[in-house]
Amino acid sequence: MGQASRSACLWIVTGTRDTLEYVKDSQNVTLSLPESLLRRFKVHAAERNQSMTALMTEAIRTLIERDEHAAAAKRRFLARIRNAPARGTQGRIGWSREELHER
């Protein structure tokens, strides 16, 4: 197998529910999980006809993407605050809480 073939090795196995991808450039890691959680995880993976690796990959990817989306939303929000149009107050509040809630 040539160098180009080795680095581009991608196997796709299509099942009834999901697509499982095996990428040769992956790296093994060791996790320590409570025994009861590990048992539940194995059952969960088997019920979905997915490997534990595929489920962990999906979960980690989802977690990272969610954090990236949250960080992007925060940056957009802060940019809007910094670039907010003038409302004629020059940053000063000319009323009190009591005046606003006067009945």
Protein backbone atom coordinates (compact mmCIF):
# COMPACT_ATOMS: atom_id res chain seq x y z
CA MET A 1 0.00 0.00 0.00
CA GLY A 2 1.50 3.36 -1.04
CA GLN A 3 1.92 6.38 1.23
CA ALA A 4 -1.01 8.22 -0.34
CA SER A 5 -3.24 5.18 0.09
CA ARG A 6 -2.22 4.73 3.72
CA SER A 7 -2.89 8.33 4.72
CA ALA A 8 -6.21 8.47 2.89
CA CYS A 9 -7.48 5.14 4.25
CA LEU A 10 -11.17 5.56 5.07
CA TRP A 11 -13.61 2.70 5.39
CA ILE A 12 -17.31 3.40 5.51
CA VAL A 13 -19.66 0.65 6.66
CA THR A 14 -23.32 1.50 6.28
CA GLY A 15 -25.74 -0.25 8.62
CA THR A 16 -29.46 0.08 9.11
CA ARG A 17 -29.17 2.99 11.54
CA ASP A 18 -25.87 4.84 11.25
CA THR A 19 -22.69 5.20 9.30
CA LEU A 20 -19.52 4.04 11.04
CA GLU A 21 -16.30 5.59 9.84
CA TYR A 22 -12.88 4.12 10.55
CA VAL A 23 -10.06 6.59 10.01
CA LYS A 24 -6.58 5.11 10.15
CA ASP A 25 -5.13 8.32 11.61
CA SER A 26 -6.95 7.89 14.94
CA GLN A 27 -5.17 7.40 18.26
CA ASN A 28 -6.12 5.16 21.17
CA VAL A 29 -6.83 6.68 24.59
CA THR A 30 -7.52 5.12 27.97
CA LEU A 31 -10.53 6.16 30.02
CA SER A 32 -11.32 5.25 33.59
CA LEU A 33 -15.07 4.96 34.10
CA PRO A 34 -17.11 3.75 37.05
CA GLU A 35 -18.05 0.12 36.49
CA SER A 36 -21.81 0.79 36.51
CA LEU A 37 -21.45 3.57 33.93
CA LEU A 38 -19.29 1.36 31.72
CA ARG A 39 -21.92 -1.41 31.82
CA ARG A 40 -24.68 1.04 30.87
CA PHE A 41 -22.49 2.49 28.11
CA LYS A 42 -21.87 -0.95 26.60
CA VAL A 43 -25.62 -1.70 26.62
CA HIS A 44 -26.35 1.73 25.12
CA ALA A 45 -23.88 1.14 22.28
CA ALA A 46 -25.19 -2.37 21.61
CA GLU A 47 -28.81 -1.17 21.49
CA ARG A 48 -27.83 1.34 18.81
CA ASN A 49 -25.65 -1.13 16.92
CA GLN A 50 -22.69 1.27 17.27
CA SER A 51 -19.25 0.84 18.72
CA MET A 52 -18.34 2.55 21.95
CA THR A 53 -15.64 4.38 19.99
CA ALA A 54 -18.19 5.75 17.52
CA LEU A 55 -20.45 6.93 20.35
CA MET A 56 -17.58 8.58 22.23
CA THR A 57 -16.37 10.26 19.04
CA GLU A 58 -19.86 11.62 18.38
CA ALA A 59 -20.29 12.78 22.00
CA ILE A 60 -16.93 14.55 22.13
CA ARG A 61 -17.47 16.18 18.73
CA THR A 62 -20.92 17.39 19.83
CA LEU A 63 -19.54 18.78 23.09
CA ILE A 64 -16.76 20.69 21.34
CA GLU A 65 -19.09 22.04 18.65
CA ARG A 66 -21.59 23.19 21.29
CA ASP A 67 -18.84 25.05 23.15
CA GLU A 68 -17.62 26.61 19.89
CA HIS A 69 -21.16 27.75 19.02
CA ALA A 70 -21.61 29.24 22.50
CA ALA A 71 -18.29 31.09 22.25
CA ALA A 72 -19.22 32.45 18.82
CA ALA A 73 -22.62 33.60 20.13
CA LYS A 74 -20.90 35.33 23.06
CA ARG A 75 -18.50 37.10 20.68
CA ARG A 76 -21.42 38.26 18.49
CA PHE A 77 -23.33 39.50 21.55
CA LEU A 78 -20.34 41.44 22.89
CA ALA A 79 -19.69 42.95 19.45
CA ARG A 80 -23.31 44.13 19.29
CA ILE A 81 -23.00 45.74 22.72
CA ARG A 82 -19.78 47.52 21.73
CA ASN A 83 -21.32 48.71 18.46
CA ALA A 84 -24.79 49.55 19.80
CA PRO A 85 -26.37 52.70 18.38
CA ALA A 86 -26.59 55.79 20.58
CA ARG A 87 -29.88 56.06 22.47
CA GLY A 88 -29.46 59.69 23.45
CA THR A 89 -28.45 59.06 27.08
CA GLN A 90 -24.66 59.42 26.61
CA GLY A 91 -24.36 56.45 28.96
CA ARG A 92 -26.14 58.14 31.87
CA ILE A 93 -29.39 57.07 33.47
CA GLY A 94 -31.53 60.08 34.27
CA TRP A 95 -34.23 58.29 36.25
CA SER A 96 -34.43 56.26 39.40
CA ARG A 97 -35.96 52.88 40.01
CA GLU A 98 -38.67 54.46 42.14
CA GLU A 99 -39.63 56.84 39.32
CA LEU A 100 -39.96 53.95 36.91
CA HIS A 101 -42.14 51.95 39.30
CA GLU A 102 -44.22 54.88 40.55
CA ARG A 103 -47.93 54.07 40.70
